Amino acid sequence: MQKIGEHLAELRKKKQYKQTELAEKLNVSQQVISNIERGVSAPDIELLKKIADIYNISLDQLVGRDFIATEADGIERRIICYIKQMDEKGKELSLGLVSQIVQHRGSNDGNK
């Protein structure tokens, strides 16, 4: 699993925030953000909650925790793992393929 600082840096870059912009939103110094991302210090839970709110994601997502419901069977778990490894283009192509399969299955259900 990726270290928390690395994951937070990745999320910040995806949102196209500079360290100074994020620091301003959190009312901390840019040095605090830099130290966290480099693994020099760890964020406390209150700071993590604020970051999660800014990114509009859960704390689990923020810290990179993979959570797959226990109800998922082996095939569902494998599908989810494959999808998580894909880039956005691969995810879009996969969604299109799954949609076609569902539509094809639906049209064949009436032919039984």
PDB file of N, CA and C in Angstrom:
ATOM      1  N   MET A   1       0.840  -1.190   0.000  1.00  0.00           N
ATOM      2  CA  MET A   1       0.000   0.000   0.000  1.00  0.00           C
ATOM      3  C   MET A   1       0.886   1.255   0.000  1.00  0.00           C
ATOM      4  N   GLN A   2       0.443   2.224  -0.702  1.00  0.00           N
ATOM      5  CA  GLN A   2       1.162   3.479  -0.830  1.00  0.00           C
ATOM      6  C   GLN A   2       1.180   4.224   0.501  1.00  0.00           C
ATOM      7  N   LYS A   3       2.277   4.906   0.770  1.00  0.00           N
ATOM      8  CA  LYS A   3       2.353   5.699   1.992  1.00  0.00           C
ATOM      9  C   LYS A   3       1.378   6.865   1.904  1.00  0.00           C
ATOM     10  N   ILE A   4       0.870   7.283   3.052  1.00  0.00           N
ATOM     11  CA  ILE A   4      -0.161   8.320   3.110  1.00  0.00           C
ATOM     12  C   ILE A   4       0.286   9.611   2.437  1.00  0.00           C
ATOM     13  N   GLY A   5       1.507  10.034   2.686  1.00  0.00           N
ATOM     14  CA  GLY A   5       1.995  11.276   2.090  1.00  0.00           C
ATOM     15  C   GLY A   5       2.025  11.216   0.573  1.00  0.00           C
ATOM     16  N   GLU A   6       2.493  10.093   0.041  1.00  0.00           N
ATOM     17  CA  GLU A   6       2.535   9.917  -1.413  1.00  0.00           C
ATOM     18  C   GLU A   6       1.127   9.945  -1.996  1.00  0.00           C
ATOM     19  N   HIS A   7       0.221   9.269  -1.300  1.00  0.00           N
ATOM     20  CA  HIS A   7      -1.167   9.230  -1.780  1.00  0.00           C
ATOM     21  C   HIS A   7      -1.800  10.622  -1.754  1.00  0.00           C
ATOM     22  N   LEU A   8      -1.551  11.371  -0.689  1.00  0.00           N
ATOM     23  CA  LEU A   8      -2.106  12.721  -0.593  1.00  0.00           C
ATOM     24  C   LEU A   8      -1.537  13.625  -1.687  1.00  0.00           C
ATOM     25  N   ALA A   9      -0.248  13.466  -1.985  1.00  0.00           N
ATOM     26  CA  ALA A   9       0.369  14.261  -3.052  1.00  0.00           C
ATOM     27  C   ALA A   9      -0.266  13.914  -4.400  1.00  0.00           C
ATOM     28  N   GLU A  10      -0.505  12.641  -4.627  1.00  0.00           N
ATOM     29  CA  GLU A  10      -1.131  12.200  -5.868  1.00  0.00           C
ATOM     30  C   GLU A  10      -2.535  12.783  -6.016  1.00  0.00           C
ATOM     31  N   LEU A  11      -3.307  12.734  -4.947  1.00  0.00           N
ATOM     32  CA  LEU A  11      -4.658  13.297  -4.974  1.00  0.00           C
ATOM     33  C   LEU A  11      -4.622  14.806  -5.240  1.00  0.00           C
ATOM     34  N   ARG A  12      -3.702  15.491  -4.577  1.00  0.00           N
ATOM     35  CA  ARG A  12      -3.595  16.942  -4.765  1.00  0.00           C
ATOM     36  C   ARG A  12      -3.276  17.270  -6.225  1.00  0.00           C
ATOM     37  N   LYS A  13      -2.374  16.521  -6.799  1.00  0.00           N
ATOM     38  CA  LYS A  13      -1.986  16.767  -8.198  1.00  0.00           C
ATOM     39  C   LYS A  13      -3.137  16.458  -9.158  1.00  0.00           C
ATOM     40  N   LYS A  14      -3.901  15.417  -8.867  1.00  0.00           N
ATOM     41  CA  LYS A  14      -5.066  15.095  -9.705  1.00  0.00           C
ATOM     42  C   LYS A  14      -6.089  16.229  -9.695  1.00  0.00           C
ATOM     43  N   LYS A  15      -6.220  16.883  -8.540  1.00  0.00           N
ATOM     44  CA  LYS A  15      -7.144  18.014  -8.410  1.00  0.00           C
ATOM     45  C   LYS A  15      -6.516  19.316  -8.916  1.00  0.00           C
ATOM     46  N   GLN A  16      -5.258  19.218  -9.327  1.00  0.00           N
ATOM     47  CA  GLN A  16      -4.515  20.352  -9.879  1.00  0.00           C
ATOM     48  C   GLN A  16      -4.354  21.496  -8.885  1.00  0.00           C
ATOM     49  N   TYR A  17      -4.160  21.134  -7.628  1.00  0.00           N
ATOM     50  CA  TYR A  17      -3.864  22.123  -6.593  1.00  0.00           C
ATOM     51  C   TYR A  17      -2.349  22.203  -6.415  1.00  0.00           C
ATOM     52  N   LYS A  18      -1.866  23.394  -6.198  1.00  0.00           N
ATOM     53  CA  LYS A  18      -0.486  23.571  -5.758  1.00  0.00           C
ATOM     54  C   LYS A  18      -0.479  23.408  -4.250  1.00  0.00           C
ATOM     55  N   GLN A  19       0.676  23.083  -3.705  1.00  0.00           N
ATOM     56  CA  GLN A  19       0.774  22.934  -2.254  1.00  0.00           C
ATOM     57  C   GLN A  19       0.314  24.202  -1.544  1.00  0.00           C
ATOM     58  N   THR A  20       0.666  25.343  -2.100  1.00  0.00           N
ATOM     59  CA  THR A  20       0.286  26.609  -1.454  1.00  0.00           C
ATOM     60  C   THR A  20      -1.229  26.803  -1.471  1.00  0.00           C
ATOM     61  N   GLU A  21      -1.882  26.391  -2.548  1.00  0.00           N
ATOM     62  CA  GLU A  21      -3.347  26.534  -2.633  1.00  0.00           C
ATOM     63  C   GLU A  21      -4.041  25.645  -1.605  1.00  0.00           C
ATOM     64  N   LEU A  22      -3.570  24.394  -1.513  1.00  0.00           N
ATOM     65  CA  LEU A  22      -4.172  23.477  -0.546  1.00  0.00           C
ATOM     66  C   LEU A  22      -3.919  23.970   0.881  1.00  0.00           C
ATOM     67  N   ALA A  23      -2.709  24.423   1.132  1.00  0.00           N
ATOM     68  CA  ALA A  23      -2.368  24.936   2.460  1.00  0.00           C
ATOM     69  C   ALA A  23      -3.277  26.094   2.851  1.00  0.00           C
ATOM     70  N   GLU A  24      -3.541  26.968   1.910  1.00  0.00           N
ATOM     71  CA  GLU A  24      -4.412  28.116   2.182  1.00  0.00           C
ATOM     72  C   GLU A  24      -5.823  27.657   2.528  1.00  0.00           C
ATOM     73  N   LYS A  25      -6.332  26.679   1.780  1.00  0.00           N
ATOM     74  CA  LYS A  25      -7.676  26.160   2.041  1.00  0.00           C
ATOM     75  C   LYS A  25      -7.763  25.502   3.427  1.00  0.00           C
ATOM     76  N   LEU A  26      -6.646  24.915   3.866  1.00  0.00           N
ATOM     77  CA  LEU A  26      -6.619  24.211   5.144  1.00  0.00           C
ATOM     78  C   LEU A  26      -6.166  25.091   6.303  1.00  0.00           C
ATOM     79  N   ASN A  27      -5.779  26.308   5.974  1.00  0.00           N
ATOM     80  CA  ASN A  27      -5.292  27.253   6.975  1.00  0.00           C
ATOM     81  C   ASN A  27      -4.034  26.729   7.690  1.00  0.00           C
ATOM     82  N   VAL A  28      -3.139  26.158   6.876  1.00  0.00           N
ATOM     83  CA  VAL A  28      -1.833  25.715   7.372  1.00  0.00           C
ATOM     84  C   VAL A  28      -0.767  26.268   6.426  1.00  0.00           C
ATOM     85  N   SER A  29       0.482  26.104   6.777  1.00  0.00           N
ATOM     86  CA  SER A  29       1.553  26.584   5.906  1.00  0.00           C
ATOM     87  C   SER A  29       1.826  25.573   4.786  1.00  0.00           C
ATOM     88  N   GLN A  30       2.428  26.060   3.739  1.00  0.00           N
ATOM     89  CA  GLN A  30       2.835  25.184   2.629  1.00  0.00           C
ATOM     90  C   GLN A  30       3.829  24.149   3.139  1.00  0.00           C
ATOM     91  N   GLN A  31       4.630  24.516   4.110  1.00  0.00           N
ATOM     92  CA  GLN A  31       5.622  23.594   4.673  1.00  0.00           C
ATOM     93  C   GLN A  31       4.946  22.392   5.329  1.00  0.00           C
ATOM     94  N   VAL A  32       3.803  22.597   5.949  1.00  0.00           N
ATOM     95  CA  VAL A  32       3.061  21.484   6.558  1.00  0.00           C
ATOM     96  C   VAL A  32       2.673  20.477   5.483  1.00  0.00           C
ATOM     97  N   ILE A  33       2.142  20.972   4.365  1.00  0.00           N
ATOM     98  CA  ILE A  33       1.744  20.097   3.257  1.00  0.00           C
ATOM     99  C   ILE A  33       2.965  19.369   2.708  1.00  0.00           C
ATOM    100  N   SER A  34       4.037  20.086   2.503  1.00  0.00           N
ATOM    101  CA  SER A  34       5.270  19.489   1.993  1.00  0.00           C
ATOM    102  C   SER A  34       5.786  18.390   2.924  1.00  0.00           C
ATOM    103  N   ASN A  35       5.800  18.661   4.216  1.00  0.00           N
ATOM    104  CA  ASN A  35       6.280  17.669   5.186  1.00  0.00           C
ATOM    105  C   ASN A  35       5.424  16.408   5.187  1.00  0.00           C
ATOM    106  N   ILE A  36       4.127  16.574   5.072  1.00  0.00           N
ATOM    107  CA  ILE A  36       3.220  15.419   5.036  1.00  0.00           C
ATOM    108  C   ILE A  36       3.473  14.601   3.778  1.00  0.00           C
ATOM    109  N   GLU A  37       3.543  15.269   2.638  1.00  0.00           N
ATOM    110  CA  GLU A  37       3.715  14.563   1.370  1.00  0.00           C
ATOM    111  C   GLU A  37       5.066  13.853   1.286  1.00  0.00           C
ATOM    112  N   ARG A  38       6.081  14.392   1.937  1.00  0.00           N
ATOM    113  CA  ARG A  38       7.407  13.762   1.931  1.00  0.00           C
ATOM    114  C   ARG A  38       7.560  12.718   3.028  1.00  0.00           C
ATOM    115  N   GLY A  39       6.549  12.577   3.870  1.00  0.00           N
ATOM    116  CA  GLY A  39       6.603  11.585   4.933  1.00  0.00           C
ATOM    117  C   GLY A  39       7.388  12.022   6.154  1.00  0.00           C
ATOM    118  N   VAL A  40       7.695  13.313   6.244  1.00  0.00           N
ATOM    119  CA  VAL A  40       8.423  13.855   7.392  1.00  0.00           C
ATOM    120  C   VAL A  40       7.501  13.923   8.605  1.00  0.00           C
ATOM    121  N   SER A  41       6.239  14.228   8.357  1.00  0.00           N
ATOM    122  CA  SER A  41       5.247  14.260   9.437  1.00  0.00           C
ATOM    123  C   SER A  41       3.958  13.622   8.928  1.00  0.00           C
ATOM    124  N   ALA A  42       3.106  13.288   9.869  1.00  0.00           N
ATOM    125  CA  ALA A  42       1.822  12.665   9.518  1.00  0.00           C
ATOM    126  C   ALA A  42       0.690  13.623   9.861  1.00  0.00           C
ATOM    127  N   PRO A  43      -0.337  13.649   9.022  1.00  0.00           N
ATOM    128  CA  PRO A  43      -1.474  14.529   9.316  1.00  0.00           C
ATOM    129  C   PRO A  43      -2.305  13.964  10.464  1.00  0.00           C
ATOM    130  N   ASP A  44      -2.880  14.851  11.267  1.00  0.00           N
ATOM    131  CA  ASP A  44      -3.793  14.368  12.305  1.00  0.00           C
ATOM    132  C   ASP A  44      -5.169  14.155  11.686  1.00  0.00           C
ATOM    133  N   ILE A  45      -6.036  13.536  12.440  1.00  0.00           N
ATOM    134  CA  ILE A  45      -7.357  13.174  11.920  1.00  0.00           C
ATOM    135  C   ILE A  45      -8.179  14.404  11.525  1.00  0.00           C
ATOM    136  N   GLU A  46      -8.046  15.490  12.256  1.00  0.00           N
ATOM    137  CA  GLU A  46      -8.815  16.697  11.922  1.00  0.00           C
ATOM    138  C   GLU A  46      -8.383  17.255  10.564  1.00  0.00           C
ATOM    139  N   LEU A  47      -7.083  17.249  10.306  1.00  0.00           N
ATOM    140  CA  LEU A  47      -6.594  17.724   9.016  1.00  0.00           C
ATOM    141  C   LEU A  47      -7.052  16.786   7.899  1.00  0.00           C
ATOM    142  N   LEU A  48      -7.012  15.482   8.162  1.00  0.00           N
ATOM    143  CA  LEU A  48      -7.481  14.514   7.164  1.00  0.00           C
ATOM    144  C   LEU A  48      -8.951  14.732   6.827  1.00  0.00           C
ATOM    145  N   LYS A  49      -9.767  15.009   7.844  1.00  0.00           N
ATOM    146  CA  LYS A  49     -11.193  15.263   7.600  1.00  0.00           C
ATOM    147  C   LYS A  49     -11.384  16.501   6.727  1.00  0.00           C
ATOM    148  N   LYS A  50     -10.588  17.545   6.986  1.00  0.00           N
ATOM    149  CA  LYS A  50     -10.686  18.764   6.179  1.00  0.00           C
ATOM    150  C   LYS A  50     -10.271  18.502   4.733  1.00  0.00           C
ATOM    151  N   ILE A  51      -9.211  17.725   4.556  1.00  0.00           N
ATOM    152  CA  ILE A  51      -8.757  17.400   3.201  1.00  0.00           C
ATOM    153  C   ILE A  51      -9.822  16.583   2.475  1.00  0.00           C
ATOM    154  N   ALA A  52     -10.395  15.606   3.168  1.00  0.00           N
ATOM    155  CA  ALA A  52     -11.450  14.778   2.565  1.00  0.00           C
ATOM    156  C   ALA A  52     -12.629  15.652   2.139  1.00  0.00           C
ATOM    157  N   ASP A  53     -12.978  16.626   2.958  1.00  0.00           N
ATOM    158  CA  ASP A  53     -14.075  17.537   2.615  1.00  0.00           C
ATOM    159  C   ASP A  53     -13.738  18.363   1.377  1.00  0.00           C
ATOM    160  N   ILE A  54     -12.518  18.838   1.281  1.00  0.00           N
ATOM    161  CA  ILE A  54     -12.101  19.629   0.116  1.00  0.00           C
ATOM    162  C   ILE A  54     -12.204  18.794  -1.156  1.00  0.00           C
ATOM    163  N   TYR A  55     -11.766  17.540  -1.082  1.00  0.00           N
ATOM    164  CA  TYR A  55     -11.798  16.659  -2.254  1.00  0.00           C
ATOM    165  C   TYR A  55     -13.140  15.964  -2.442  1.00  0.00           C
ATOM    166  N   ASN A  56     -14.039  16.144  -1.469  1.00  0.00           N
ATOM    167  CA  ASN A  56     -15.363  15.526  -1.516  1.00  0.00           C
ATOM    168  C   ASN A  56     -15.282  13.998  -1.640  1.00  0.00           C
ATOM    169  N   ILE A  57     -14.440  13.409  -0.789  1.00  0.00           N
ATOM    170  CA  ILE A  57     -14.288  11.958  -0.761  1.00  0.00           C
ATOM    171  C   ILE A  57     -14.313  11.492   0.694  1.00  0.00           C
ATOM    172  N   SER A  58     -14.444  10.186   0.882  1.00  0.00           N
ATOM    173  CA  SER A  58     -14.459   9.629   2.239  1.00  0.00           C
ATOM    174  C   SER A  58     -13.037   9.559   2.792  1.00  0.00           C
ATOM    175  N   LEU A  59     -12.937   9.392   4.093  1.00  0.00           N
ATOM    176  CA  LEU A  59     -11.622   9.212   4.707  1.00  0.00           C
ATOM    177  C   LEU A  59     -10.949   7.945   4.191  1.00  0.00           C
ATOM    178  N   ASP A  60     -11.721   6.886   3.973  1.00  0.00           N
ATOM    179  CA  ASP A  60     -11.153   5.657   3.404  1.00  0.00           C
ATOM    180  C   ASP A  60     -10.504   5.944   2.055  1.00  0.00           C
ATOM    181  N   GLN A  61     -11.230   6.651   1.207  1.00  0.00           N
ATOM    182  CA  GLN A  61     -10.677   6.986  -0.103  1.00  0.00           C
ATOM    183  C   GLN A  61      -9.463   7.889   0.033  1.00  0.00           C
ATOM    184  N   LEU A  62      -9.527   8.811   0.960  1.00  0.00           N
ATOM    185  CA  LEU A  62      -8.437   9.759   1.145  1.00  0.00           C
ATOM    186  C   LEU A  62      -7.137   9.060   1.522  1.00  0.00           C
ATOM    187  N   VAL A  63      -7.217   8.086   2.390  1.00  0.00           N
ATOM    188  CA  VAL A  63      -5.998   7.405   2.833  1.00  0.00           C
ATOM    189  C   VAL A  63      -5.650   6.207   1.956  1.00  0.00           C
ATOM    190  N   GLY A  64      -6.401   6.008   0.880  1.00  0.00           N
ATOM    191  CA  GLY A  64      -6.081   4.943  -0.065  1.00  0.00           C
ATOM    192  C   GLY A  64      -6.487   3.565   0.394  1.00  0.00           C
ATOM    193  N   ARG A  65      -7.456   3.513   1.275  1.00  0.00           N
ATOM    194  CA  ARG A  65      -7.922   2.218   1.778  1.00  0.00           C
ATOM    195  C   ARG A  65      -8.842   1.585   0.762  1.00  0.00           C
ATOM    196  N   ASP A  66      -8.486   0.381   0.345  1.00  0.00           N
ATOM    197  CA  ASP A  66      -9.340  -0.382  -0.552  1.00  0.00           C
ATOM    198  C   ASP A  66     -10.340  -1.138   0.288  1.00  0.00           C
ATOM    199  N   PHE A  67     -11.597  -0.933  -0.018  1.00  0.00           N
ATOM    200  CA  PHE A  67     -12.636  -1.609   0.734  1.00  0.00           C
ATOM    201  C   PHE A  67     -13.586  -2.268  -0.243  1.00  0.00           C
ATOM    202  N   ILE A  68     -13.635  -3.570  -0.177  1.00  0.00           N
ATOM    203  CA  ILE A  68     -14.561  -4.337  -1.012  1.00  0.00           C
ATOM    204  C   ILE A  68     -15.498  -5.058  -0.057  1.00  0.00           C
ATOM    205  N   ALA A  69     -16.774  -4.820  -0.234  1.00  0.00           N
ATOM    206  CA  ALA A  69     -17.763  -5.424   0.656  1.00  0.00           C
ATOM    207  C   ALA A  69     -17.593  -6.935   0.701  1.00  0.00           C
ATOM    208  N   THR A  70     -17.811  -7.501   1.861  1.00  0.00           N
ATOM    209  CA  THR A  70     -17.636  -8.941   2.028  1.00  0.00           C
ATOM    210  C   THR A  70     -18.664  -9.737   1.227  1.00  0.00           C
ATOM    211  N   GLU A  71     -19.736  -9.073   0.779  1.00  0.00           N
ATOM    212  CA  GLU A  71     -20.741  -9.769  -0.005  1.00  0.00           C
ATOM    213  C   GLU A  71     -20.257 -10.065  -1.424  1.00  0.00           C
ATOM    214  N   ALA A  72     -19.223  -9.357  -1.868  1.00  0.00           N
ATOM    215  CA  ALA A  72     -18.724  -9.551  -3.229  1.00  0.00           C
ATOM    216  C   ALA A  72     -18.105 -10.941  -3.334  1.00  0.00           C
ATOM    217  N   ASP A  73     -18.481 -11.663  -4.406  1.00  0.00           N
ATOM    218  CA  ASP A  73     -17.891 -12.989  -4.589  1.00  0.00           C
ATOM    219  C   ASP A  73     -16.530 -12.858  -5.263  1.00  0.00           C
ATOM    220  N   GLY A  74     -15.873 -13.961  -5.493  1.00  0.00           N
ATOM    221  CA  GLY A  74     -14.526 -13.966  -6.060  1.00  0.00           C
ATOM    222  C   GLY A  74     -14.435 -13.279  -7.405  1.00  0.00           C
ATOM    223  N   ILE A  75     -15.421 -13.508  -8.264  1.00  0.00           N
ATOM    224  CA  ILE A  75     -15.404 -12.899  -9.593  1.00  0.00           C
ATOM    225  C   ILE A  75     -15.564 -11.387  -9.480  1.00  0.00           C
ATOM    226  N   GLU A  76     -16.483 -10.925  -8.645  1.00  0.00           N
ATOM    227  CA  GLU A  76     -16.666  -9.480  -8.457  1.00  0.00           C
ATOM    228  C   GLU A  76     -15.391  -8.836  -7.919  1.00  0.00           C
ATOM    229  N   ARG A  77     -14.742  -9.498  -6.989  1.00  0.00           N
ATOM    230  CA  ARG A  77     -13.492  -8.970  -6.434  1.00  0.00           C
ATOM    231  C   ARG A  77     -12.419  -8.864  -7.520  1.00  0.00           C
ATOM    232  N   ARG A  78     -12.321  -9.881  -8.366  1.00  0.00           N
ATOM    233  CA  ARG A  78     -11.323  -9.845  -9.448  1.00  0.00           C
ATOM    234  C   ARG A  78     -11.631  -8.730 -10.429  1.00  0.00           C
ATOM    235  N   ILE A  79     -12.907  -8.541 -10.760  1.00  0.00           N
ATOM    236  CA  ILE A  79     -13.297  -7.472 -11.676  1.00  0.00           C
ATOM    237  C   ILE A  79     -12.919  -6.120 -11.092  1.00  0.00           C
ATOM    238  N   ILE A  80     -13.237  -5.907  -9.822  1.00  0.00           N
ATOM    239  CA  ILE A  80     -12.917  -4.640  -9.156  1.00  0.00           C
ATOM    240  C   ILE A  80     -11.410  -4.402  -9.150  1.00  0.00           C
ATOM    241  N   CYS A  81     -10.635  -5.437  -8.874  1.00  0.00           N
ATOM    242  CA  CYS A  81      -9.170  -5.296  -8.861  1.00  0.00           C
ATOM    243  C   CYS A  81      -8.642  -4.911 -10.237  1.00  0.00           C
ATOM    244  N   TYR A  82      -9.179  -5.537 -11.285  1.00  0.00           N
ATOM    245  CA  TYR A  82      -8.754  -5.183 -12.647  1.00  0.00           C
ATOM    246  C   TYR A  82      -9.098  -3.735 -12.975  1.00  0.00           C
ATOM    247  N   ILE A  83     -10.299  -3.336 -12.626  1.00  0.00           N
ATOM    248  CA  ILE A  83     -10.745  -1.976 -12.925  1.00  0.00           C
ATOM    249  C   ILE A  83      -9.871  -0.944 -12.217  1.00  0.00           C
ATOM    250  N   LYS A  84      -9.504  -1.207 -10.980  1.00  0.00           N
ATOM    251  CA  LYS A  84      -8.680  -0.270 -10.222  1.00  0.00           C
ATOM    252  C   LYS A  84      -7.302  -0.073 -10.857  1.00  0.00           C
ATOM    253  N   GLN A  85      -6.858  -1.047 -11.626  1.00  0.00           N
ATOM    254  CA  GLN A  85      -5.546  -0.957 -12.265  1.00  0.00           C
ATOM    255  C   GLN A  85      -5.593  -0.195 -13.592  1.00  0.00           C
ATOM    256  N   MET A  86      -6.778   0.054 -14.110  1.00  0.00           N
ATOM    257  CA  MET A  86      -6.934   0.691 -15.414  1.00  0.00           C
ATOM    258  C   MET A  86      -6.820   2.202 -15.351  1.00  0.00           C
ATOM    259  N   ASP A  87      -6.431   2.775 -16.476  1.00  0.00           N
ATOM    260  CA  ASP A  87      -6.498   4.228 -16.601  1.00  0.00           C
ATOM    261  C   ASP A  87      -7.926   4.596 -17.005  1.00  0.00           C
ATOM    262  N   GLU A  88      -8.206   5.883 -17.112  1.00  0.00           N
ATOM    263  CA  GLU A  88      -9.577   6.332 -17.404  1.00  0.00           C
ATOM    264  C   GLU A  88     -10.083   5.796 -18.745  1.00  0.00           C
ATOM    265  N   LYS A  89      -9.223   5.744 -19.737  1.00  0.00           N
ATOM    266  CA  LYS A  89      -9.626   5.244 -21.057  1.00  0.00           C
ATOM    267  C   LYS A  89     -10.038   3.775 -20.958  1.00  0.00           C
ATOM    268  N   GLY A  90      -9.252   2.982 -20.234  1.00  0.00           N
ATOM    269  CA  GLY A  90      -9.588   1.575 -20.053  1.00  0.00           C
ATOM    270  C   GLY A  90     -10.903   1.394 -19.315  1.00  0.00           C
ATOM    271  N   LYS A  91     -11.140   2.243 -18.316  1.00  0.00           N
ATOM    272  CA  LYS A  91     -12.402   2.175 -17.581  1.00  0.00           C
ATOM    273  C   LYS A  91     -13.583   2.509 -18.483  1.00  0.00           C
ATOM    274  N   GLU A  92     -13.429   3.522 -19.338  1.00  0.00           N
ATOM    275  CA  GLU A  92     -14.503   3.892 -20.263  1.00  0.00           C
ATOM    276  C   GLU A  92     -14.788   2.764 -21.249  1.00  0.00           C
ATOM    277  N   LEU A  93     -13.736   2.156 -21.787  1.00  0.00           N
ATOM    278  CA  LEU A  93     -13.916   1.042 -22.719  1.00  0.00           C
ATOM    279  C   LEU A  93     -14.599  -0.137 -22.033  1.00  0.00           C
ATOM    280  N   SER A  94     -14.200  -0.417 -20.803  1.00  0.00           N
ATOM    281  CA  SER A  94     -14.803  -1.518 -20.052  1.00  0.00           C
ATOM    282  C   SER A  94     -16.279  -1.264 -19.777  1.00  0.00           C
ATOM    283  N   LEU A  95     -16.611  -0.025 -19.431  1.00  0.00           N
ATOM    284  CA  LEU A  95     -18.003   0.324 -19.185  1.00  0.00           C
ATOM    285  C   LEU A  95     -18.838   0.116 -20.449  1.00  0.00           C
ATOM    286  N   GLY A  96     -18.290   0.514 -21.592  1.00  0.00           N
ATOM    287  CA  GLY A  96     -18.987   0.315 -22.857  1.00  0.00           C
ATOM    288  C   GLY A  96     -19.217  -1.155 -23.142  1.00  0.00           C
ATOM    289  N   LEU A  97     -18.209  -1.974 -22.881  1.00  0.00           N
ATOM    290  CA  LEU A  97     -18.326  -3.413 -23.105  1.00  0.00           C
ATOM    291  C   LEU A  97     -19.369  -4.030 -22.182  1.00  0.00           C
ATOM    292  N   VAL A  98     -19.330  -3.671 -20.916  1.00  0.00           N
ATOM    293  CA  VAL A  98     -20.308  -4.202 -19.962  1.00  0.00           C
ATOM    294  C   VAL A  98     -21.721  -3.769 -20.357  1.00  0.00           C
ATOM    295  N   SER A  99     -21.877  -2.527 -20.797  1.00  0.00           N
ATOM    296  CA  SER A  99     -23.196  -2.042 -21.232  1.00  0.00           C
ATOM    297  C   SER A  99     -23.713  -2.854 -22.410  1.00  0.00           C
ATOM    298  N   GLN A 100     -22.835  -3.158 -23.351  1.00  0.00           N
ATOM    299  CA  GLN A 100     -23.242  -3.959 -24.512  1.00  0.00           C
ATOM    300  C   GLN A 100     -23.654  -5.363 -24.103  1.00  0.00           C
ATOM    301  N   ILE A 101     -22.925  -5.944 -23.159  1.00  0.00           N
ATOM    302  CA  ILE A 101     -23.260  -7.287 -22.678  1.00  0.00           C
ATOM    303  C   ILE A 101     -24.624  -7.282 -22.010  1.00  0.00           C
ATOM    304  N   VAL A 102     -24.883  -6.290 -21.179  1.00  0.00           N
ATOM    305  CA  VAL A 102     -26.169  -6.198 -20.488  1.00  0.00           C
ATOM    306  C   VAL A 102     -27.299  -6.012 -21.495  1.00  0.00           C
ATOM    307  N   GLN A 103     -27.105  -5.147 -22.477  1.00  0.00           N
ATOM    308  CA  GLN A 103     -28.134  -4.911 -23.496  1.00  0.00           C
ATOM    309  C   GLN A 103     -28.383  -6.176 -24.310  1.00  0.00           C
ATOM    310  N   HIS A 104     -27.313  -6.871 -24.684  1.00  0.00           N
ATOM    311  CA  HIS A 104     -27.453  -8.096 -25.472  1.00  0.00           C
ATOM    312  C   HIS A 104     -28.187  -9.167 -24.669  1.00  0.00           C
ATOM    313  N   ARG A 105     -27.834  -9.285 -23.415  1.00  0.00           N
ATOM    314  CA  ARG A 105     -28.481 -10.272 -22.545  1.00  0.00           C
ATOM    315  C   ARG A 105     -29.969  -9.950 -22.393  1.00  0.00           C
ATOM    316  N   GLY A 106     -30.269  -8.648 -22.224  1.00  0.00           N
ATOM    317  CA  GLY A 106     -31.660  -8.226 -22.075  1.00  0.00           C
ATOM    318  C   GLY A 106     -32.484  -8.538 -23.310  1.00  0.00           C
ATOM    319  N   SER A 107     -31.903  -8.348 -24.488  1.00  0.00           N
ATOM    320  CA  SER A 107     -32.651  -8.629 -25.724  1.00  0.00           C
ATOM    321  C   SER A 107     -32.800 -10.131 -25.944  1.00  0.00           C
ATOM    322  N   ASN A 108     -31.890 -10.933 -25.410  1.00  0.00           N
ATOM    323  CA  ASN A 108     -32.003 -12.380 -25.553  1.00  0.00           C
ATOM    324  C   ASN A 108     -32.905 -13.013 -24.517  1.00  0.00           C
ATOM    325  N   ASP A 109     -33.180 -12.307 -23.416  1.00  0.00           N
ATOM    326  CA  ASP A 109     -34.040 -12.844 -22.366  1.00  0.00           C
ATOM    327  C   ASP A 109     -35.451 -13.075 -22.892  1.00  0.00           C
ATOM    328  N   GLY A 110     -35.890 -12.280 -23.837  1.00  0.00           N
ATOM    329  CA  GLY A 110     -37.234 -12.426 -24.386  1.00  0.00           C
ATOM    330  C   GLY A 110     -37.340 -13.562 -25.397  1.00  0.00           C
ATOM    331  N   ASN A 111     -36.206 -14.125 -25.825  1.00  0.00           N
ATOM    332  CA  ASN A 111     -36.188 -15.182 -26.834  1.00  0.00           C
ATOM    333  C   ASN A 111     -36.175 -16.578 -26.241  1.00  0.00           C
ATOM    334  N   LYS A 112     -36.290 -16.674 -24.943  1.00  0.00           N
ATOM    335  CA  LYS A 112     -36.200 -18.010 -24.308  1.00  0.00           C
ATOM    336  C   LYS A 112     -37.513 -18.713 -24.346  1.00  0.00           C
TER     337      LYS A 112
END
